[in-house]
Amino acid sequence: MLSAHEFATLMLVRDSADHIADREELDTLLERQLVALETRDGETVRLRVTRDGDSLLRTLTRLH
Protein backbone atom coordinates (compact mmCIF):
# COMPACT_ATOMS: atom_id res chain seq x y z
CA MET A 1 0.00 0.00 0.00
CA LEU A 2 1.24 3.46 -0.86
CA SER A 3 1.25 6.31 1.61
CA ALA A 4 -0.64 9.53 0.94
CA HIS A 5 2.69 11.22 0.17
CA GLU A 6 3.57 8.52 -2.37
CA PHE A 7 0.18 8.88 -4.09
CA ALA A 8 0.64 12.65 -4.18
CA THR A 9 4.12 12.27 -5.65
CA LEU A 10 2.78 9.90 -8.31
CA MET A 11 0.18 12.51 -9.26
CA LEU A 12 2.88 15.19 -9.37
CA VAL A 13 5.01 13.08 -11.70
CA ARG A 14 2.00 12.58 -13.98
CA ASP A 15 1.08 16.27 -14.04
CA SER A 16 4.47 17.99 -13.99
CA ALA A 17 7.38 15.58 -14.12
CA ASP A 18 9.84 18.32 -15.08
CA HIS A 19 9.22 20.16 -11.82
CA ILE A 20 9.62 17.32 -9.33
CA ALA A 21 12.34 17.90 -6.79
CA ASP A 22 14.30 15.05 -5.28
CA ARG A 23 11.71 13.42 -3.01
CA GLU A 24 12.26 10.31 -0.94
CA GLU A 25 8.86 8.95 -2.09
CA LEU A 26 10.32 8.55 -5.57
CA ASP A 27 12.43 5.63 -4.39
CA THR A 28 9.31 3.67 -3.45
CA LEU A 29 7.58 4.55 -6.71
CA LEU A 30 10.65 3.46 -8.69
CA GLU A 31 10.93 0.20 -6.74
CA ARG A 32 7.26 -0.60 -7.38
CA GLN A 33 7.71 0.35 -11.04
CA LEU A 34 5.00 3.00 -10.91
CA VAL A 35 7.42 5.60 -12.31
CA ALA A 36 10.50 5.21 -14.48
CA LEU A 37 13.47 7.32 -15.46
CA GLU A 38 13.47 8.25 -19.13
CA THR A 39 16.51 9.35 -21.12
CA ARG A 40 15.96 11.93 -23.81
CA ASP A 41 18.54 13.36 -26.16
CA GLY A 42 21.05 10.86 -24.85
CA GLU A 43 21.54 12.58 -21.52
CA THR A 44 18.47 14.28 -20.09
CA VAL A 45 16.74 12.21 -17.41
CA ARG A 46 13.03 12.72 -16.85
CA LEU A 47 10.51 10.92 -14.69
CA ARG A 48 7.46 9.39 -16.29
CA VAL A 49 4.51 7.42 -14.96
CA THR A 50 4.57 3.80 -16.13
CA ARG A 51 1.60 1.87 -17.46
CA ASP A 52 1.04 0.39 -13.98
CA GLY A 53 1.25 3.82 -12.36
CA ASP A 54 -1.23 5.25 -14.84
CA SER A 55 -3.60 2.35 -14.27
CA LEU A 56 -3.43 2.90 -10.52
CA LEU A 57 -4.19 6.61 -10.89
CA ARG A 58 -7.13 5.93 -13.22
CA THR A 59 -8.56 3.38 -10.78
CA LEU A 60 -8.28 5.83 -7.89
CA THR A 61 -10.02 8.50 -9.95
CA ARG A 62 -12.94 6.17 -10.64
CA LEU A 63 -13.24 5.21 -6.97
CA HIS A 64 -13.24 8.80 -5.86
PDB file of N, CA and C in Angstrom:
ATOM      1  N   MET A   1       0.842  -1.174   0.000  1.00  0.00           N
ATOM      2  CA  MET A   1       0.000   0.000   0.000  1.00  0.00           C
ATOM      3  C   MET A   1       0.887   1.237   0.000  1.00  0.00           C
ATOM      4  N   LEU A   2       0.494   2.209  -0.796  1.00  0.00           N
ATOM      5  CA  LEU A   2       1.243   3.463  -0.857  1.00  0.00           C
ATOM      6  C   LEU A   2       0.733   4.430   0.199  1.00  0.00           C
ATOM      7  N   SER A   3       1.634   5.254   0.668  1.00  0.00           N
ATOM      8  CA  SER A   3       1.246   6.306   1.611  1.00  0.00           C
ATOM      9  C   SER A   3       0.597   7.457   0.839  1.00  0.00           C
ATOM     10  N   ALA A   4      -0.026   8.350   1.570  1.00  0.00           N
ATOM     11  CA  ALA A   4      -0.637   9.528   0.944  1.00  0.00           C
ATOM     12  C   ALA A   4       0.419  10.367   0.226  1.00  0.00           C
ATOM     13  N   HIS A   5       1.607  10.458   0.793  1.00  0.00           N
ATOM     14  CA  HIS A   5       2.695  11.221   0.172  1.00  0.00           C
ATOM     15  C   HIS A   5       3.145  10.563  -1.130  1.00  0.00           C
ATOM     16  N   GLU A   6       3.168   9.230  -1.157  1.00  0.00           N
ATOM     17  CA  GLU A   6       3.571   8.523  -2.372  1.00  0.00           C
ATOM     18  C   GLU A   6       2.523   8.691  -3.474  1.00  0.00           C
ATOM     19  N   PHE A   7       1.238   8.624  -3.104  1.00  0.00           N
ATOM     20  CA  PHE A   7       0.179   8.885  -4.089  1.00  0.00           C
ATOM     21  C   PHE A   7       0.296  10.301  -4.640  1.00  0.00           C
ATOM     22  N   ALA A   8       0.518  11.251  -3.749  1.00  0.00           N
ATOM     23  CA  ALA A   8       0.643  12.649  -4.177  1.00  0.00           C
ATOM     24  C   ALA A   8       1.840  12.825  -5.110  1.00  0.00           C
ATOM     25  N   THR A   9       2.934  12.183  -4.800  1.00  0.00           N
ATOM     26  CA  THR A   9       4.123  12.269  -5.649  1.00  0.00           C
ATOM     27  C   THR A   9       3.852  11.649  -7.008  1.00  0.00           C
ATOM     28  N   LEU A  10       3.136  10.535  -7.039  1.00  0.00           N
ATOM     29  CA  LEU A  10       2.779   9.901  -8.306  1.00  0.00           C
ATOM     30  C   LEU A  10       1.927  10.847  -9.159  1.00  0.00           C
ATOM     31  N   MET A  11       0.998  11.536  -8.538  1.00  0.00           N
ATOM     32  CA  MET A  11       0.178  12.512  -9.264  1.00  0.00           C
ATOM     33  C   MET A  11       1.030  13.682  -9.761  1.00  0.00           C
ATOM     34  N   LEU A  12       1.986  14.113  -8.952  1.00  0.00           N
ATOM     35  CA  LEU A  12       2.876  15.193  -9.372  1.00  0.00           C
ATOM     36  C   LEU A  12       3.728  14.789 -10.573  1.00  0.00           C
ATOM     37  N   VAL A  13       4.214  13.563 -10.558  1.00  0.00           N
ATOM     38  CA  VAL A  13       5.008  13.085 -11.702  1.00  0.00           C
ATOM     39  C   VAL A  13       4.137  13.079 -12.948  1.00  0.00           C
ATOM     40  N   ARG A  14       2.903  12.620 -12.824  1.00  0.00           N
ATOM     41  CA  ARG A  14       2.001  12.583 -13.981  1.00  0.00           C
ATOM     42  C   ARG A  14       1.738  13.992 -14.517  1.00  0.00           C
ATOM     43  N   ASP A  15       1.515  14.937 -13.629  1.00  0.00           N
ATOM     44  CA  ASP A  15       1.084  16.271 -14.044  1.00  0.00           C
ATOM     45  C   ASP A  15       2.218  17.236 -14.366  1.00  0.00           C
ATOM     46  N   SER A  16       3.374  17.053 -13.752  1.00  0.00           N
ATOM     47  CA  SER A  16       4.475  17.994 -13.987  1.00  0.00           C
ATOM     48  C   SER A  16       5.820  17.354 -13.654  1.00  0.00           C
ATOM     49  N   ALA A  17       6.167  16.338 -14.393  1.00  0.00           N
ATOM     50  CA  ALA A  17       7.382  15.578 -14.116  1.00  0.00           C
ATOM     51  C   ALA A  17       8.650  16.428 -14.163  1.00  0.00           C
ATOM     52  N   ASP A  18       8.647  17.478 -14.966  1.00  0.00           N
ATOM     53  CA  ASP A  18       9.843  18.319 -15.083  1.00  0.00           C
ATOM     54  C   ASP A  18      10.090  19.160 -13.839  1.00  0.00           C
ATOM     55  N   HIS A  19       9.105  19.274 -12.975  1.00  0.00           N
ATOM     56  CA  HIS A  19       9.217  20.155 -11.818  1.00  0.00           C
ATOM     57  C   HIS A  19       9.275  19.403 -10.488  1.00  0.00           C
ATOM     58  N   ILE A  20       9.543  18.112 -10.543  1.00  0.00           N
ATOM     59  CA  ILE A  20       9.618  17.320  -9.327  1.00  0.00           C
ATOM     60  C   ILE A  20      11.014  17.439  -8.739  1.00  0.00           C
ATOM     61  N   ALA A  21      11.064  17.846  -7.501  1.00  0.00           N
ATOM     62  CA  ALA A  21      12.345  17.905  -6.786  1.00  0.00           C
ATOM     63  C   ALA A  21      12.686  16.503  -6.294  1.00  0.00           C
ATOM     64  N   ASP A  22      13.871  16.338  -5.816  1.00  0.00           N
ATOM     65  CA  ASP A  22      14.296  15.047  -5.277  1.00  0.00           C
ATOM     66  C   ASP A  22      13.492  14.741  -4.025  1.00  0.00           C
ATOM     67  N   ARG A  23      12.589  13.783  -4.123  1.00  0.00           N
ATOM     68  CA  ARG A  23      11.711  13.421  -3.007  1.00  0.00           C
ATOM     69  C   ARG A  23      11.979  11.977  -2.644  1.00  0.00           C
ATOM     70  N   GLU A  24      11.971  11.682  -1.364  1.00  0.00           N
ATOM     71  CA  GLU A  24      12.256  10.311  -0.936  1.00  0.00           C
ATOM     72  C   GLU A  24      11.169   9.335  -1.380  1.00  0.00           C
ATOM     73  N   GLU A  25       9.944   9.824  -1.633  1.00  0.00           N
ATOM     74  CA  GLU A  25       8.864   8.955  -2.092  1.00  0.00           C
ATOM     75  C   GLU A  25       9.142   8.381  -3.479  1.00  0.00           C
ATOM     76  N   LEU A  26       9.991   9.043  -4.237  1.00  0.00           N
ATOM     77  CA  LEU A  26      10.316   8.552  -5.574  1.00  0.00           C
ATOM     78  C   LEU A  26      10.987   7.187  -5.531  1.00  0.00           C
ATOM     79  N   ASP A  27      11.778   6.930  -4.506  1.00  0.00           N
ATOM     80  CA  ASP A  27      12.435   5.630  -4.390  1.00  0.00           C
ATOM     81  C   ASP A  27      11.408   4.501  -4.342  1.00  0.00           C
ATOM     82  N   THR A  28      10.355   4.685  -3.553  1.00  0.00           N
ATOM     83  CA  THR A  28       9.305   3.667  -3.447  1.00  0.00           C
ATOM     84  C   THR A  28       8.595   3.507  -4.776  1.00  0.00           C
ATOM     85  N   LEU A  29       8.279   4.619  -5.426  1.00  0.00           N
ATOM     86  CA  LEU A  29       7.577   4.551  -6.707  1.00  0.00           C
ATOM     87  C   LEU A  29       8.438   3.886  -7.782  1.00  0.00           C
ATOM     88  N   LEU A  30       9.732   4.132  -7.755  1.00  0.00           N
ATOM     89  CA  LEU A  30      10.647   3.463  -8.692  1.00  0.00           C
ATOM     90  C   LEU A  30      10.738   1.971  -8.394  1.00  0.00           C
ATOM     91  N   GLU A  31      10.845   1.609  -7.125  1.00  0.00           N
ATOM     92  CA  GLU A  31      10.928   0.201  -6.738  1.00  0.00           C
ATOM     93  C   GLU A  31       9.680  -0.569  -7.148  1.00  0.00           C
ATOM     94  N   ARG A  32       8.531   0.059  -7.032  1.00  0.00           N
ATOM     95  CA  ARG A  32       7.264  -0.599  -7.377  1.00  0.00           C
ATOM     96  C   ARG A  32       6.926  -0.445  -8.855  1.00  0.00           C
ATOM     97  N   GLN A  33       7.834   0.160  -9.604  1.00  0.00           N
ATOM     98  CA  GLN A  33       7.714   0.352 -11.042  1.00  0.00           C
ATOM     99  C   GLN A  33       6.462   1.128 -11.430  1.00  0.00           C
ATOM    100  N   LEU A  34       6.124   2.118 -10.611  1.00  0.00           N
ATOM    101  CA  LEU A  34       5.004   3.001 -10.911  1.00  0.00           C
ATOM    102  C   LEU A  34       5.481   4.242 -11.655  1.00  0.00           C
ATOM    103  N   VAL A  35       6.765   4.557 -11.517  1.00  0.00           N
ATOM    104  CA  VAL A  35       7.424   5.598 -12.305  1.00  0.00           C
ATOM    105  C   VAL A  35       8.732   5.024 -12.832  1.00  0.00           C
ATOM    106  N   ALA A  36       9.225   5.641 -13.891  1.00  0.00           N
ATOM    107  CA  ALA A  36      10.496   5.208 -14.482  1.00  0.00           C
ATOM    108  C   ALA A  36      11.288   6.441 -14.884  1.00  0.00           C
ATOM    109  N   LEU A  37      12.587   6.265 -14.970  1.00  0.00           N
ATOM    110  CA  LEU A  37      13.469   7.324 -15.455  1.00  0.00           C
ATOM    111  C   LEU A  37      13.597   7.172 -16.963  1.00  0.00           C
ATOM    112  N   GLU A  38      13.444   8.261 -17.680  1.00  0.00           N
ATOM    113  CA  GLU A  38      13.471   8.248 -19.133  1.00  0.00           C
ATOM    114  C   GLU A  38      14.614   9.114 -19.622  1.00  0.00           C
ATOM    115  N   THR A  39      15.399   8.596 -20.539  1.00  0.00           N
ATOM    116  CA  THR A  39      16.505   9.350 -21.116  1.00  0.00           C
ATOM    117  C   THR A  39      16.058   9.948 -22.438  1.00  0.00           C
ATOM    118  N   ARG A  40      16.280  11.229 -22.568  1.00  0.00           N
ATOM    119  CA  ARG A  40      15.965  11.932 -23.809  1.00  0.00           C
ATOM    120  C   ARG A  40      17.214  12.637 -24.287  1.00  0.00           C
ATOM    121  N   ASP A  41      17.382  12.690 -25.564  1.00  0.00           N
ATOM    122  CA  ASP A  41      18.536  13.365 -26.163  1.00  0.00           C
ATOM    123  C   ASP A  41      19.856  12.779 -25.675  1.00  0.00           C
ATOM    124  N   GLY A  42      19.842  11.537 -25.265  1.00  0.00           N
ATOM    125  CA  GLY A  42      21.055  10.865 -24.851  1.00  0.00           C
ATOM    126  C   GLY A  42      21.573  11.218 -23.475  1.00  0.00           C
ATOM    127  N   GLU A  43      21.018  12.223 -22.826  1.00  0.00           N
ATOM    128  CA  GLU A  43      21.544  12.577 -21.518  1.00  0.00           C
ATOM    129  C   GLU A  43      20.516  13.117 -20.538  1.00  0.00           C
ATOM    130  N   THR A  44      19.446  13.700 -20.991  1.00  0.00           N
ATOM    131  CA  THR A  44      18.468  14.283 -20.089  1.00  0.00           C
ATOM    132  C   THR A  44      17.632  13.182 -19.444  1.00  0.00           C
ATOM    133  N   VAL A  45      17.529  13.200 -18.132  1.00  0.00           N
ATOM    134  CA  VAL A  45      16.740  12.208 -17.414  1.00  0.00           C
ATOM    135  C   VAL A  45      15.458  12.873 -16.939  1.00  0.00           C
ATOM    136  N   ARG A  46      14.345  12.204 -17.216  1.00  0.00           N
ATOM    137  CA  ARG A  46      13.029  12.724 -16.849  1.00  0.00           C
ATOM    138  C   ARG A  46      12.215  11.594 -16.239  1.00  0.00           C
ATOM    139  N   LEU A  47      11.409  11.909 -15.268  1.00  0.00           N
ATOM    140  CA  LEU A  47      10.510  10.920 -14.691  1.00  0.00           C
ATOM    141  C   LEU A  47       9.260  10.794 -15.539  1.00  0.00           C
ATOM    142  N   ARG A  48       8.734   9.595 -15.626  1.00  0.00           N
ATOM    143  CA  ARG A  48       7.457   9.386 -16.293  1.00  0.00           C
ATOM    144  C   ARG A  48       6.683   8.317 -15.532  1.00  0.00           C
ATOM    145  N   VAL A  49       5.379   8.418 -15.588  1.00  0.00           N
ATOM    146  CA  VAL A  49       4.513   7.421 -14.963  1.00  0.00           C
ATOM    147  C   VAL A  49       4.459   6.214 -15.888  1.00  0.00           C
ATOM    148  N   THR A  50       4.629   5.023 -15.338  1.00  0.00           N
ATOM    149  CA  THR A  50       4.573   3.802 -16.131  1.00  0.00           C
ATOM    150  C   THR A  50       3.121   3.412 -16.390  1.00  0.00           C
ATOM    151  N   ARG A  51       2.938   2.380 -17.174  1.00  0.00           N
ATOM    152  CA  ARG A  51       1.598   1.868 -17.460  1.00  0.00           C
ATOM    153  C   ARG A  51       0.896   1.452 -16.170  1.00  0.00           C
ATOM    154  N   ASP A  52       1.628   0.798 -15.267  1.00  0.00           N
ATOM    155  CA  ASP A  52       1.044   0.388 -13.980  1.00  0.00           C
ATOM    156  C   ASP A  52       0.674   1.595 -13.123  1.00  0.00           C
ATOM    157  N   GLY A  53       1.529   2.601 -13.115  1.00  0.00           N
ATOM    158  CA  GLY A  53       1.247   3.818 -12.357  1.00  0.00           C
ATOM    159  C   GLY A  53       0.029   4.549 -12.901  1.00  0.00           C
ATOM    160  N   ASP A  54      -0.077   4.609 -14.218  1.00  0.00           N
ATOM    161  CA  ASP A  54      -1.227   5.251 -14.844  1.00  0.00           C
ATOM    162  C   ASP A  54      -2.511   4.484 -14.536  1.00  0.00           C
ATOM    163  N   SER A  55      -2.433   3.178 -14.590  1.00  0.00           N
ATOM    164  CA  SER A  55      -3.597   2.348 -14.269  1.00  0.00           C
ATOM    165  C   SER A  55      -4.049   2.567 -12.830  1.00  0.00           C
ATOM    166  N   LEU A  56      -3.111   2.649 -11.921  1.00  0.00           N
ATOM    167  CA  LEU A  56      -3.431   2.900 -10.517  1.00  0.00           C
ATOM    168  C   LEU A  56      -4.113   4.256 -10.342  1.00  0.00           C
ATOM    169  N   LEU A  57      -3.590   5.282 -10.990  1.00  0.00           N
ATOM    170  CA  LEU A  57      -4.191   6.614 -10.889  1.00  0.00           C
ATOM    171  C   LEU A  57      -5.593   6.650 -11.485  1.00  0.00           C
ATOM    172  N   ARG A  58      -5.809   5.976 -12.620  1.00  0.00           N
ATOM    173  CA  ARG A  58      -7.134   5.932 -13.223  1.00  0.00           C
ATOM    174  C   ARG A  58      -8.136   5.200 -12.322  1.00  0.00           C
ATOM    175  N   THR A  59      -7.683   4.127 -11.692  1.00  0.00           N
ATOM    176  CA  THR A  59      -8.556   3.381 -10.776  1.00  0.00           C
ATOM    177  C   THR A  59      -8.940   4.236  -9.587  1.00  0.00           C
ATOM    178  N   LEU A  60      -7.983   4.956  -9.026  1.00  0.00           N
ATOM    179  CA  LEU A  60      -8.285   5.827  -7.890  1.00  0.00           C
ATOM    180  C   LEU A  60      -9.252   6.941  -8.273  1.00  0.00           C
ATOM    181  N   THR A  61      -9.114   7.451  -9.485  1.00  0.00           N
ATOM    182  CA  THR A  61     -10.015   8.502  -9.952  1.00  0.00           C
ATOM    183  C   THR A  61     -11.444   7.980 -10.051  1.00  0.00           C
ATOM    184  N   ARG A  62     -11.602   6.752 -10.528  1.00  0.00           N
ATOM    185  CA  ARG A  62     -12.942   6.165 -10.644  1.00  0.00           C
ATOM    186  C   ARG A  62     -13.545   5.886  -9.275  1.00  0.00           C
ATOM    187  N   LEU A  63     -12.735   5.510  -8.304  1.00  0.00           N
ATOM    188  CA  LEU A  63     -13.235   5.206  -6.972  1.00  0.00           C
ATOM    189  C   LEU A  63     -13.631   6.465  -6.202  1.00  0.00           C
ATOM    190  N   HIS A  64     -12.991   7.552  -6.564  1.00  0.00           N
ATOM    191  CA  HIS A  64     -13.242   8.797  -5.855  1.00  0.00           C
ATOM    192  C   HIS A  64     -14.490   9.395  -6.406  1.00  0.00           C
TER     193      HIS A  64
END
